[in-house]
Amino acid sequence: MAASIGVRKPSIKVAALCGSIRRASYNRGLLRSANQICADSIPGMHIEYVEIDALPFLNTDLELAGTYPTVVEAFRQKILEADSVLFASPEYNYSVTGPLKNAIDWASRPPNVWADKPAAIVSAGGGFGGGRSQYHLRQIGVYLDLHFINKPEVFVNAFNPPGRFDSNGNLVDAEIKENLKELLLSLQAFTLRLQSC
């Protein structure tokens, strides 16, 4: 009997954005953990963290003859080149953060580089674990033409029980890491499905 030959999945490039610009942010910690999970156990899926803190406030006066400031152009290009997007969205006042909304708005300027991309969201915070920001981001995604996976959902209460993150904001909870892996596998499968259409 001939040995079966494994089918290798195409490579998927994921742009990862964090709504918090704080260095020890738990949401950044979720993205670091996601990156490590991909490197260790999801072949063909690569996460690139995309910084948003240097972006100027959206101001159409900065648009000159159809071009954008250099830092905005570089950011837009990273989103354009990604196969899918992973958002880490903390919750500020029941919504997404100012820095994340600013980044979203810059990338939505013509041509909208979010359009038709698969996406997923994770969040860490108190209470509902950032769930309200996730649902608001999903609403924003309707206009952007982003295609969010529906399940699994990953909301992390960062404070109860304590000890899920270390003092540097790194995720140390094994169960949440497993939930994160399931979300990444779902994003991978959804991305491949959309690419095959």
N, C-alpha and C. Protein backbone atom coordinates (compact mmCIF):
# COMPACT_ATOMS: atom_id res chain seq x y z
N MET A 1 0.85 -1.19 0.00
CA MET A 1 0.00 0.00 0.00
C MET A 1 0.89 1.23 0.00
N ALA A 2 0.62 2.15 -0.89
CA ALA A 2 1.44 3.35 -1.00
C ALA A 2 1.23 4.24 0.21
N ALA A 3 2.29 4.88 0.65
CA ALA A 3 2.18 5.81 1.78
C ALA A 3 1.40 7.04 1.35
N SER A 4 0.55 7.51 2.24
CA SER A 4 -0.23 8.72 1.92
C SER A 4 0.67 9.93 1.96
N ILE A 5 0.39 10.84 1.08
CA ILE A 5 1.17 12.08 1.00
C ILE A 5 0.35 13.20 1.60
N GLY A 6 0.91 13.87 2.60
CA GLY A 6 0.20 14.97 3.26
C GLY A 6 0.00 16.14 2.32
N VAL A 7 -1.14 16.77 2.43
CA VAL A 7 -1.44 17.95 1.63
C VAL A 7 -1.09 19.17 2.46
N ARG A 8 -0.20 19.98 1.95
CA ARG A 8 0.24 21.17 2.68
C ARG A 8 -0.70 22.33 2.41
N LYS A 9 -1.15 22.98 3.48
CA LYS A 9 -2.03 24.12 3.33
C LYS A 9 -1.24 25.33 2.86
N PRO A 10 -1.88 26.18 2.04
CA PRO A 10 -1.19 27.40 1.61
C PRO A 10 -0.84 28.28 2.80
N SER A 11 0.16 29.11 2.63
CA SER A 11 0.58 30.02 3.69
C SER A 11 -0.43 31.16 3.83
N ILE A 12 -0.75 31.49 5.08
CA ILE A 12 -1.67 32.59 5.37
C ILE A 12 -0.95 33.64 6.19
N LYS A 13 -1.00 34.88 5.71
CA LYS A 13 -0.39 36.01 6.41
C LYS A 13 -1.47 36.79 7.14
N VAL A 14 -1.34 36.88 8.46
CA VAL A 14 -2.33 37.55 9.29
C VAL A 14 -1.76 38.86 9.82
N ALA A 15 -2.46 39.96 9.57
CA ALA A 15 -2.09 41.24 10.16
C ALA A 15 -2.77 41.34 11.53
N ALA A 16 -1.98 41.55 12.58
CA ALA A 16 -2.52 41.63 13.94
C ALA A 16 -2.45 43.06 14.44
N LEU A 17 -3.59 43.59 14.90
CA LEU A 17 -3.67 44.95 15.40
C LEU A 17 -4.19 44.94 16.83
N CYS A 18 -3.58 45.76 17.67
CA CYS A 18 -4.03 45.88 19.05
C CYS A 18 -4.57 47.29 19.29
N GLY A 19 -5.75 47.35 19.89
CA GLY A 19 -6.36 48.64 20.17
C GLY A 19 -5.72 49.38 21.33
N SER A 20 -4.90 48.68 22.12
CA SER A 20 -4.18 49.33 23.22
C SER A 20 -2.75 49.59 22.79
N ILE A 21 -2.26 50.79 23.07
CA ILE A 21 -0.86 51.09 22.74
C ILE A 21 0.02 51.03 23.98
N ARG A 22 -0.54 50.55 25.09
CA ARG A 22 0.22 50.37 26.33
C ARG A 22 1.13 49.16 26.19
N ARG A 23 2.40 49.29 26.58
CA ARG A 23 3.40 48.25 26.36
C ARG A 23 3.03 46.93 27.03
N ALA A 24 2.53 46.96 28.27
CA ALA A 24 2.21 45.73 28.99
C ALA A 24 0.72 45.38 28.89
N SER A 25 0.08 45.83 27.84
CA SER A 25 -1.34 45.57 27.62
C SER A 25 -1.63 44.07 27.57
N TYR A 26 -2.69 43.66 28.24
CA TYR A 26 -3.11 42.26 28.18
C TYR A 26 -3.54 41.89 26.76
N ASN A 27 -4.08 42.84 26.04
CA ASN A 27 -4.50 42.57 24.67
C ASN A 27 -3.31 42.34 23.75
N ARG A 28 -2.24 43.08 23.98
CA ARG A 28 -0.99 42.80 23.26
C ARG A 28 -0.49 41.40 23.63
N GLY A 29 -0.66 41.07 24.91
CA GLY A 29 -0.26 39.74 25.37
C GLY A 29 -1.01 38.64 24.63
N LEU A 30 -2.29 38.85 24.35
CA LEU A 30 -3.05 37.87 23.58
C LEU A 30 -2.47 37.70 22.18
N LEU A 31 -2.05 38.81 21.57
CA LEU A 31 -1.47 38.72 20.23
C LEU A 31 -0.10 38.05 20.25
N ARG A 32 0.70 38.33 21.28
CA ARG A 32 1.99 37.63 21.40
C ARG A 32 1.78 36.13 21.54
N SER A 33 0.79 35.76 22.34
CA SER A 33 0.49 34.36 22.53
C SER A 33 -0.01 33.74 21.22
N ALA A 34 -0.85 34.44 20.49
CA ALA A 34 -1.34 33.95 19.20
C ALA A 34 -0.19 33.73 18.23
N ASN A 35 0.76 34.64 18.23
CA ASN A 35 1.93 34.52 17.37
C ASN A 35 2.73 33.26 17.72
N GLN A 36 2.92 33.02 19.01
CA GLN A 36 3.67 31.85 19.46
C GLN A 36 2.92 30.55 19.13
N ILE A 37 1.60 30.56 19.28
CA ILE A 37 0.80 29.38 18.96
C ILE A 37 0.94 29.04 17.48
N CYS A 38 0.89 30.04 16.62
CA CYS A 38 1.06 29.79 15.18
C CYS A 38 2.44 29.22 14.89
N ALA A 39 3.46 29.81 15.50
CA ALA A 39 4.83 29.34 15.27
C ALA A 39 5.01 27.90 15.74
N ASP A 40 4.36 27.53 16.85
CA ASP A 40 4.55 26.21 17.45
C ASP A 40 3.66 25.12 16.85
N SER A 41 2.42 25.48 16.48
CA SER A 41 1.49 24.39 16.17
C SER A 41 0.49 24.63 15.04
N ILE A 42 0.62 25.74 14.30
CA ILE A 42 -0.27 25.93 13.15
C ILE A 42 0.59 26.22 11.92
N PRO A 43 1.05 25.17 11.25
CA PRO A 43 1.92 25.36 10.08
C PRO A 43 1.24 26.19 9.00
N GLY A 44 2.00 27.08 8.40
CA GLY A 44 1.49 27.87 7.28
C GLY A 44 0.73 29.12 7.67
N MET A 45 0.57 29.37 8.96
CA MET A 45 -0.12 30.58 9.40
C MET A 45 0.88 31.47 10.11
N HIS A 46 1.05 32.69 9.62
CA HIS A 46 2.06 33.60 10.15
C HIS A 46 1.41 34.91 10.55
N ILE A 47 1.70 35.36 11.76
CA ILE A 47 1.13 36.60 12.27
C ILE A 47 2.18 37.70 12.25
N GLU A 48 1.82 38.84 11.70
CA GLU A 48 2.69 40.02 11.74
C GLU A 48 1.98 41.11 12.54
N TYR A 49 2.61 41.54 13.63
CA TYR A 49 2.04 42.60 14.44
C TYR A 49 2.21 43.93 13.71
N VAL A 50 1.13 44.67 13.55
CA VAL A 50 1.15 45.94 12.83
C VAL A 50 0.90 47.07 13.83
N GLU A 51 1.89 47.92 14.00
CA GLU A 51 1.78 49.04 14.95
C GLU A 51 0.82 50.11 14.43
N ILE A 52 0.09 50.72 15.35
CA ILE A 52 -0.85 51.78 14.96
C ILE A 52 -0.59 53.09 15.71
N ASP A 53 0.34 53.08 16.66
CA ASP A 53 0.50 54.26 17.52
C ASP A 53 1.12 55.46 16.82
N ALA A 54 1.81 55.24 15.69
CA ALA A 54 2.43 56.37 14.98
C ALA A 54 1.49 57.03 13.97
N LEU A 55 0.32 56.47 13.78
CA LEU A 55 -0.60 57.04 12.80
C LEU A 55 -1.13 58.39 13.29
N PRO A 56 -1.14 59.41 12.43
CA PRO A 56 -1.73 60.69 12.84
C PRO A 56 -3.24 60.56 12.94
N PHE A 57 -3.87 61.49 13.64
CA PHE A 57 -5.32 61.50 13.65
C PHE A 57 -5.82 61.67 12.22
N LEU A 58 -6.88 60.95 11.89
CA LEU A 58 -7.43 61.05 10.54
C LEU A 58 -7.79 62.50 10.22
N ASN A 59 -7.27 62.98 9.11
CA ASN A 59 -7.52 64.34 8.67
C ASN A 59 -7.36 64.34 7.16
N THR A 60 -8.45 64.54 6.45
CA THR A 60 -8.38 64.46 5.00
C THR A 60 -7.54 65.58 4.38
N ASP A 61 -7.20 66.60 5.18
CA ASP A 61 -6.26 67.61 4.68
C ASP A 61 -4.88 67.01 4.44
N LEU A 62 -4.60 65.87 5.08
CA LEU A 62 -3.31 65.21 4.90
C LEU A 62 -3.25 64.38 3.62
N GLU A 63 -4.36 64.25 2.94
CA GLU A 63 -4.42 63.50 1.69
C GLU A 63 -4.08 64.44 0.54
N LEU A 64 -3.04 64.12 -0.17
CA LEU A 64 -2.59 64.99 -1.26
C LEU A 64 -2.56 64.22 -2.57
N ALA A 65 -3.40 64.66 -3.52
CA ALA A 65 -3.45 64.07 -4.86
C ALA A 65 -3.59 62.55 -4.79
N GLY A 66 -4.47 62.08 -3.93
CA GLY A 66 -4.73 60.65 -3.84
C GLY A 66 -3.70 59.86 -3.06
N THR A 67 -2.79 60.55 -2.38
CA THR A 67 -1.79 59.85 -1.57
C THR A 67 -1.98 60.21 -0.10
N TYR A 68 -1.37 59.42 0.75
CA TYR A 68 -1.49 59.59 2.20
C TYR A 68 -0.12 59.81 2.80
N PRO A 69 -0.04 60.30 4.04
CA PRO A 69 1.27 60.43 4.69
C PRO A 69 2.03 59.09 4.66
N THR A 70 3.34 59.15 4.64
CA THR A 70 4.17 57.94 4.49
C THR A 70 3.82 56.86 5.50
N VAL A 71 3.64 57.23 6.76
CA VAL A 71 3.34 56.23 7.79
C VAL A 71 1.97 55.59 7.55
N VAL A 72 1.04 56.36 7.02
CA VAL A 72 -0.29 55.83 6.70
C VAL A 72 -0.22 54.90 5.50
N GLU A 73 0.53 55.29 4.48
CA GLU A 73 0.70 54.44 3.30
C GLU A 73 1.32 53.10 3.69
N ALA A 74 2.32 53.12 4.57
CA ALA A 74 2.98 51.88 5.00
C ALA A 74 2.00 50.99 5.75
N PHE A 75 1.19 51.60 6.61
CA PHE A 75 0.19 50.85 7.36
C PHE A 75 -0.84 50.24 6.41
N ARG A 76 -1.36 51.02 5.50
CA ARG A 76 -2.35 50.54 4.55
C ARG A 76 -1.80 49.39 3.70
N GLN A 77 -0.53 49.47 3.34
CA GLN A 77 0.08 48.42 2.53
C GLN A 77 0.14 47.09 3.29
N LYS A 78 0.44 47.16 4.59
CA LYS A 78 0.48 45.94 5.40
C LYS A 78 -0.89 45.28 5.48
N ILE A 79 -1.93 46.08 5.61
CA ILE A 79 -3.28 45.53 5.64
C ILE A 79 -3.63 44.94 4.28
N LEU A 80 -3.30 45.66 3.22
CA LEU A 80 -3.59 45.20 1.86
C LEU A 80 -2.94 43.85 1.57
N GLU A 81 -1.70 43.68 2.03
CA GLU A 81 -0.95 42.46 1.73
C GLU A 81 -1.36 41.27 2.60
N ALA A 82 -2.09 41.52 3.68
CA ALA A 82 -2.50 40.43 4.58
C ALA A 82 -3.64 39.62 3.97
N ASP A 83 -3.64 38.32 4.30
CA ASP A 83 -4.74 37.45 3.88
C ASP A 83 -5.92 37.57 4.82
N SER A 84 -5.64 37.85 6.08
CA SER A 84 -6.70 38.01 7.08
C SER A 84 -6.20 38.91 8.20
N VAL A 85 -7.11 39.25 9.10
CA VAL A 85 -6.79 40.23 10.15
C VAL A 85 -7.22 39.67 11.52
N LEU A 86 -6.36 39.89 12.51
CA LEU A 86 -6.68 39.52 13.89
C LEU A 86 -6.65 40.80 14.73
N PHE A 87 -7.79 41.16 15.30
CA PHE A 87 -7.88 42.33 16.16
C PHE A 87 -7.85 41.91 17.62
N ALA A 88 -7.07 42.62 18.42
CA ALA A 88 -7.17 42.53 19.88
C ALA A 88 -7.80 43.84 20.32
N SER A 89 -9.04 43.77 20.78
CA SER A 89 -9.81 44.98 20.99
C SER A 89 -10.23 45.17 22.44
N PRO A 90 -9.45 45.94 23.21
CA PRO A 90 -9.91 46.27 24.56
C PRO A 90 -11.15 47.14 24.49
N GLU A 91 -11.83 47.25 25.61
CA GLU A 91 -13.08 48.00 25.65
C GLU A 91 -12.90 49.30 26.41
N TYR A 92 -13.16 50.41 25.73
CA TYR A 92 -13.16 51.72 26.37
C TYR A 92 -14.58 52.29 26.26
N ASN A 93 -15.22 52.50 27.38
CA ASN A 93 -16.56 53.10 27.38
C ASN A 93 -17.53 52.36 26.46
N TYR A 94 -17.54 51.03 26.58
CA TYR A 94 -18.45 50.16 25.82
C TYR A 94 -18.14 50.12 24.33
N SER A 95 -16.95 50.54 23.91
CA SER A 95 -16.66 50.59 22.48
C SER A 95 -15.19 50.28 22.22
N VAL A 96 -14.79 50.41 20.96
CA VAL A 96 -13.39 50.23 20.58
C VAL A 96 -12.60 51.45 21.02
N THR A 97 -11.29 51.29 21.08
CA THR A 97 -10.43 52.40 21.52
C THR A 97 -10.24 53.43 20.41
N GLY A 98 -9.84 54.64 20.83
CA GLY A 98 -9.56 55.70 19.86
C GLY A 98 -8.46 55.32 18.87
N PRO A 99 -7.31 54.79 19.34
CA PRO A 99 -6.26 54.42 18.39
C PRO A 99 -6.71 53.39 17.36
N LEU A 100 -7.50 52.40 17.80
CA LEU A 100 -7.95 51.38 16.85
C LEU A 100 -8.93 51.95 15.85
N LYS A 101 -9.86 52.77 16.32
CA LYS A 101 -10.82 53.38 15.38
C LYS A 101 -10.11 54.27 14.38
N ASN A 102 -9.08 54.99 14.82
CA ASN A 102 -8.30 55.83 13.92
C ASN A 102 -7.64 55.00 12.83
N ALA A 103 -7.04 53.86 13.24
CA ALA A 103 -6.38 52.97 12.27
C ALA A 103 -7.40 52.41 11.29
N ILE A 104 -8.54 52.00 11.81
CA ILE A 104 -9.60 51.46 10.95
C ILE A 104 -10.02 52.50 9.91
N ASP A 105 -10.19 53.74 10.37
CA ASP A 105 -10.65 54.78 9.46
C ASP A 105 -9.61 55.10 8.38
N TRP A 106 -8.33 55.14 8.74
CA TRP A 106 -7.29 55.40 7.74
C TRP A 106 -7.29 54.31 6.67
N ALA A 107 -7.41 53.06 7.09
CA ALA A 107 -7.36 51.96 6.11
C ALA A 107 -8.64 51.84 5.30
N SER A 108 -9.70 52.53 5.73
CA SER A 108 -10.95 52.49 4.98
C SER A 108 -11.03 53.57 3.91
N ARG A 109 -10.07 54.51 3.93
CA ARG A 109 -10.07 55.56 2.92
C ARG A 109 -9.84 54.93 1.55
N PRO A 110 -10.34 55.55 0.48
CA PRO A 110 -10.28 54.91 -0.83
C PRO A 110 -8.86 54.68 -1.32
N PRO A 111 -8.60 53.47 -1.84
CA PRO A 111 -9.48 52.31 -1.82
C PRO A 111 -9.45 51.63 -0.45
N ASN A 112 -10.59 51.13 -0.02
CA ASN A 112 -10.74 50.48 1.28
C ASN A 112 -9.94 49.17 1.30
N VAL A 113 -8.84 49.13 2.06
CA VAL A 113 -7.98 47.94 2.05
C VAL A 113 -8.44 46.85 2.99
N TRP A 114 -9.51 47.09 3.75
CA TRP A 114 -10.11 46.03 4.58
C TRP A 114 -11.00 45.12 3.75
N ALA A 115 -11.47 45.60 2.62
CA ALA A 115 -12.56 44.95 1.90
C ALA A 115 -12.30 43.48 1.59
N ASP A 116 -13.29 42.67 1.94
CA ASP A 116 -13.35 41.25 1.60
C ASP A 116 -12.33 40.39 2.34
N LYS A 117 -11.79 40.90 3.45
CA LYS A 117 -10.83 40.10 4.22
C LYS A 117 -11.52 39.38 5.37
N PRO A 118 -11.14 38.13 5.62
CA PRO A 118 -11.61 37.45 6.82
C PRO A 118 -10.93 38.02 8.05
N ALA A 119 -11.62 37.96 9.18
CA ALA A 119 -11.07 38.56 10.40
C ALA A 119 -11.58 37.85 11.64
N ALA A 120 -10.86 38.05 12.73
CA ALA A 120 -11.26 37.51 14.03
C ALA A 120 -10.91 38.54 15.10
N ILE A 121 -11.56 38.41 16.26
CA ILE A 121 -11.34 39.36 17.35
C ILE A 121 -11.10 38.60 18.65
N VAL A 122 -10.14 39.10 19.42
CA VAL A 122 -9.93 38.65 20.80
C VAL A 122 -9.93 39.89 21.68
N SER A 123 -10.23 39.70 22.96
CA SER A 123 -10.17 40.85 23.85
C SER A 123 -9.97 40.40 25.28
N ALA A 124 -9.33 41.26 26.06
CA ALA A 124 -9.12 41.04 27.49
C ALA A 124 -9.48 42.32 28.22
N GLY A 125 -10.10 42.16 29.37
CA GLY A 125 -10.48 43.31 30.18
C GLY A 125 -11.22 42.84 31.41
N GLY A 126 -11.92 43.75 32.05
CA GLY A 126 -12.71 43.38 33.21
C GLY A 126 -14.10 42.92 32.82
N GLY A 127 -14.86 42.48 33.80
CA GLY A 127 -16.26 42.14 33.57
C GLY A 127 -16.47 41.17 32.42
N PHE A 128 -17.04 41.67 31.33
CA PHE A 128 -17.40 40.89 30.16
C PHE A 128 -16.19 40.59 29.28
N GLY A 129 -14.98 40.98 29.70
CA GLY A 129 -13.77 40.67 28.94
C GLY A 129 -13.65 41.39 27.62
N GLY A 130 -14.23 42.58 27.52
CA GLY A 130 -14.13 43.34 26.26
C GLY A 130 -15.19 42.97 25.24
N GLY A 131 -16.22 42.23 25.66
CA GLY A 131 -17.23 41.75 24.72
C GLY A 131 -17.98 42.85 24.00
N ARG A 132 -18.27 43.94 24.69
CA ARG A 132 -19.01 45.02 24.03
C ARG A 132 -18.20 45.65 22.91
N SER A 133 -16.89 45.77 23.11
CA SER A 133 -16.05 46.32 22.05
C SER A 133 -16.03 45.39 20.85
N GLN A 134 -16.06 44.08 21.11
CA GLN A 134 -16.08 43.12 20.00
C GLN A 134 -17.35 43.28 19.17
N TYR A 135 -18.48 43.42 19.84
CA TYR A 135 -19.73 43.54 19.10
C TYR A 135 -19.80 44.85 18.34
N HIS A 136 -19.24 45.92 18.93
CA HIS A 136 -19.20 47.19 18.21
C HIS A 136 -18.27 47.09 17.00
N LEU A 137 -17.14 46.40 17.15
CA LEU A 137 -16.21 46.22 16.03
C LEU A 137 -16.87 45.41 14.91
N ARG A 138 -17.67 44.44 15.28
CA ARG A 138 -18.40 43.67 14.25
C ARG A 138 -19.35 44.58 13.47
N GLN A 139 -19.99 45.53 14.15
CA GLN A 139 -20.87 46.47 13.45
C GLN A 139 -20.07 47.33 12.48
N ILE A 140 -18.92 47.81 12.93
CA ILE A 140 -18.06 48.62 12.06
C ILE A 140 -17.64 47.80 10.85
N GLY A 141 -17.36 46.51 11.09
CA GLY A 141 -16.91 45.62 10.02
C GLY A 141 -17.92 45.44 8.90
N VAL A 142 -19.20 45.63 9.20
CA VAL A 142 -20.22 45.51 8.16
C VAL A 142 -19.97 46.55 7.07
N TYR A 143 -19.72 47.80 7.48
CA TYR A 143 -19.45 48.84 6.49
C TYR A 143 -18.12 48.62 5.78
N LEU A 144 -17.13 48.10 6.53
CA LEU A 144 -15.79 47.89 5.96
C LEU A 144 -15.74 46.70 5.00
N ASP A 145 -16.77 45.87 4.99
CA ASP A 145 -16.81 44.64 4.21
C ASP A 145 -15.80 43.61 4.73
N LEU A 146 -15.59 43.62 6.06
CA LEU A 146 -14.79 42.58 6.71
C LEU A 146 -15.70 41.39 7.01
N HIS A 147 -15.14 40.19 6.95
CA HIS A 147 -15.91 38.97 7.21
C HIS A 147 -15.40 38.31 8.48
N PHE A 148 -16.04 38.60 9.61
CA PHE A 148 -15.60 38.06 10.89
C PHE A 148 -16.07 36.62 11.07
N ILE A 149 -15.19 35.79 11.63
CA ILE A 149 -15.64 34.46 12.03
C ILE A 149 -16.62 34.63 13.19
N ASN A 150 -17.57 33.72 13.28
CA ASN A 150 -18.55 33.81 14.35
C ASN A 150 -18.15 33.07 15.62
N LYS A 151 -17.47 31.95 15.44
CA LYS A 151 -17.10 31.14 16.59
C LYS A 151 -15.72 30.54 16.36
N PRO A 152 -14.95 30.30 17.41
CA PRO A 152 -15.28 30.63 18.80
C PRO A 152 -15.07 32.12 19.09
N GLU A 153 -15.69 32.58 20.17
CA GLU A 153 -15.46 33.93 20.65
C GLU A 153 -14.51 33.84 21.84
N VAL A 154 -13.55 34.76 21.90
CA VAL A 154 -12.57 34.76 22.99
C VAL A 154 -12.65 36.09 23.73
N PHE A 155 -13.31 36.04 24.91
CA PHE A 155 -13.38 37.19 25.81
C PHE A 155 -12.65 36.76 27.09
N VAL A 156 -11.65 37.51 27.52
CA VAL A 156 -10.86 37.12 28.68
C VAL A 156 -11.04 38.12 29.81
N ASN A 157 -11.58 37.67 30.93
CA ASN A 157 -11.58 38.50 32.11
C ASN A 157 -10.16 38.45 32.67
N ALA A 158 -9.45 39.55 32.56
CA ALA A 158 -8.03 39.58 32.91
C ALA A 158 -7.76 39.60 34.41
N PHE A 159 -8.81 39.82 35.21
CA PHE A 159 -8.59 40.04 36.64
C PHE A 159 -9.23 38.99 37.54
N ASN A 160 -10.17 38.23 37.01
CA ASN A 160 -10.88 37.26 37.84
C ASN A 160 -11.08 35.95 37.07
N PRO A 161 -10.40 34.87 37.44
CA PRO A 161 -9.46 34.83 38.57
C PRO A 161 -8.14 35.52 38.22
N PRO A 162 -7.38 35.95 39.22
CA PRO A 162 -6.08 36.59 38.95
C PRO A 162 -5.07 35.56 38.45
N GLY A 163 -4.01 36.06 37.84
CA GLY A 163 -2.92 35.18 37.42
C GLY A 163 -3.00 34.69 36.00
N ARG A 164 -3.92 35.21 35.21
CA ARG A 164 -4.02 34.78 33.81
C ARG A 164 -2.92 35.42 32.96
N PHE A 165 -2.42 36.57 33.40
CA PHE A 165 -1.34 37.27 32.71
C PHE A 165 -0.24 37.55 33.73
N ASP A 166 1.02 37.61 33.26
CA ASP A 166 2.09 37.98 34.17
C ASP A 166 2.24 39.50 34.21
N SER A 167 3.23 39.98 34.93
CA SER A 167 3.39 41.44 35.13
C SER A 167 3.75 42.18 33.84
N ASN A 168 4.20 41.45 32.82
CA ASN A 168 4.53 42.07 31.53
C ASN A 168 3.39 41.97 30.53
N GLY A 169 2.25 41.46 31.00
CA GLY A 169 1.10 41.35 30.11
C GLY A 169 1.10 40.09 29.27
N ASN A 170 1.95 39.12 29.57
CA ASN A 170 2.00 37.88 28.81
C ASN A 170 0.95 36.90 29.32
N LEU A 171 0.26 36.25 28.41
CA LEU A 171 -0.75 35.27 28.76
C LEU A 171 -0.07 34.01 29.29
N VAL A 172 -0.49 33.54 30.47
CA VAL A 172 0.09 32.34 31.06
C VAL A 172 -0.96 31.26 31.32
N ASP A 173 -2.21 31.55 31.07
CA ASP A 173 -3.30 30.61 31.34
C ASP A 173 -3.43 29.59 30.20
N ALA A 174 -3.25 28.30 30.52
CA ALA A 174 -3.24 27.24 29.51
C ALA A 174 -4.60 27.09 28.82
N GLU A 175 -5.69 27.23 29.58
CA GLU A 175 -7.02 27.06 28.99
C GLU A 175 -7.32 28.15 27.97
N ILE A 176 -6.93 29.39 28.30
CA ILE A 176 -7.16 30.49 27.36
C ILE A 176 -6.28 30.33 26.13
N LYS A 177 -5.07 29.82 26.32
CA LYS A 177 -4.21 29.55 25.16
C LYS A 177 -4.86 28.54 24.22
N GLU A 178 -5.51 27.54 24.78
CA GLU A 178 -6.20 26.55 23.96
C GLU A 178 -7.39 27.17 23.24
N ASN A 179 -8.12 28.06 23.92
CA ASN A 179 -9.23 28.78 23.27
C ASN A 179 -8.73 29.64 22.12
N LEU A 180 -7.59 30.28 22.35
CA LEU A 180 -6.96 31.12 21.33
C LEU A 180 -6.55 30.28 20.13
N LYS A 181 -6.01 29.11 20.39
CA LYS A 181 -5.62 28.22 19.29
C LYS A 181 -6.84 27.82 18.47
N GLU A 182 -7.95 27.50 19.12
CA GLU A 182 -9.17 27.14 18.40
C GLU A 182 -9.66 28.28 17.52
N LEU A 183 -9.58 29.51 18.04
CA LEU A 183 -9.96 30.68 17.24
C LEU A 183 -9.06 30.82 16.02
N LEU A 184 -7.76 30.63 16.19
CA LEU A 184 -6.82 30.75 15.08
C LEU A 184 -7.06 29.68 14.03
N LEU A 185 -7.35 28.47 14.46
CA LEU A 185 -7.65 27.39 13.51
C LEU A 185 -8.93 27.70 12.74
N SER A 186 -9.91 28.30 13.42
CA SER A 186 -11.14 28.69 12.75
C SER A 186 -10.88 29.79 11.73
N LEU A 187 -10.05 30.76 12.09
CA LEU A 187 -9.68 31.84 11.15
C LEU A 187 -8.93 31.27 9.96
N GLN A 188 -8.03 30.33 10.20
CA GLN A 188 -7.29 29.70 9.11
C GLN A 188 -8.24 28.99 8.14
N ALA A 189 -9.15 28.19 8.67
CA ALA A 189 -10.08 27.44 7.82
C ALA A 189 -10.98 28.38 7.02
N PHE A 190 -11.44 29.46 7.69
CA PHE A 190 -12.33 30.41 7.02
C PHE A 190 -11.58 31.17 5.93
N THR A 191 -10.35 31.54 6.20
CA THR A 191 -9.53 32.23 5.20
C THR A 191 -9.33 31.36 3.98
N LEU A 192 -8.98 30.10 4.18
CA LEU A 192 -8.77 29.19 3.07
C LEU A 192 -10.06 28.98 2.28
N ARG A 193 -11.19 28.92 2.99
CA ARG A 193 -12.47 28.74 2.32
C ARG A 193 -12.80 29.93 1.42
N LEU A 194 -12.58 31.14 1.95
CA LEU A 194 -12.86 32.34 1.15
C LEU A 194 -11.90 32.45 -0.02
N GLN A 195 -10.65 32.05 0.17
CA GLN A 195 -9.67 32.12 -0.91
C GLN A 195 -10.01 31.15 -2.04
N SER A 196 -10.68 30.06 -1.71
CA SER A 196 -11.01 29.06 -2.73
C SER A 196 -12.24 29.44 -3.54
N CYS A 197 -12.98 30.46 -3.07
CA CYS A 197 -14.20 30.87 -3.80
C CYS A 197 -13.88 31.70 -5.03
